[in-house]
């Protein structure tokens, strides 16, 4: 693996670089692609990746409130058509352009504890509007590994075939979102793939940044949630978009995640690279929020960016004092409150 990105432009190019396999999927399923909720941490690079892979004959259309105008500008510069709109408004959803393929990324996680109503509206009501506005389409729906219960720390975590058991209102609302799109597949003829994501890594945010920053600052790293799964955001983008080919009735479910790793081990690795001995808070619990990535590996192969590379790039980013989004993941939360 070549050297890591040294600025945000290089980083976003890496995160949006399409694979030959993705190019083949999008050429095989030709047509415009509508991305709903495209203005968040992951949406812009996913939209640009799709634009780079799809070819000139079709549009990639990104819809968001675009609270960050710079994200909208970058998308426009990359050839992505943007629409500013609030998906909580059914009339806005009704006016959206038709497209045969849709990626649904809209949702709310942080702030659930303070305003649970807003979370349920974004994660349940909005999916209802979208499901019934776009029947008989091909959809990839973003979900989360939080729909699973905590699993024994020594296990690989739940697979797609294991029972769900969401903890807290955020996870419960995400499971409700899945159920709404399951209903659309059953009653409206919509082909659906559900991507249960666990911890995408961008050098400006993510579990690795959270841990590395604490080590660098001499702050204790909480280890009660002793294990996590992480995946490079570029790999997560690639897998999610390739799920278009897997959309089916009933929905196909894929855990979009990567390697399981101990939080204590991660802190020790950062300590070695950053030259700071890590400090720890608490002790590892007997269970953790995990997802079994076996099916994803079988479908898509190993991620292109491995864990050691992600740690090295994150360390370089921190030592250079490069920009971050200041959006902690709250990976340590064991009560489902965000």
Foldseek 3Di string as FASTA:
>chain_A
DDDFDDAPVRLLCLLQAADPLLLVLLCVVDKAEEEEAQQDPQNLSLLLNCLVSNDDPYAYEYEECPPPVVSVVVSVVSRHHYDHDDLLDLVVLLPDDDIQEYEYDWADAPCCVVPVVVRLSGLAVSLLSNLVSHFQHQYEYEAALQQAAWDFPPDQADEPPDDGDHFDSNSVSRVNSLVSNLVSVVPRVYFYAYEHEFWADRLQATDLLVLLVCQLVQHADECQQFKGWYAHSSQLSNLRSSCSVVGHRNYHYAHSTHDMDTSVVSNCVSCVLQVGRHHHDDDYHRTHSHYNRVVVCVVPNHHPQDDVNSNNNSSVCVVVVHHHPPDYPPRVDNRSHD
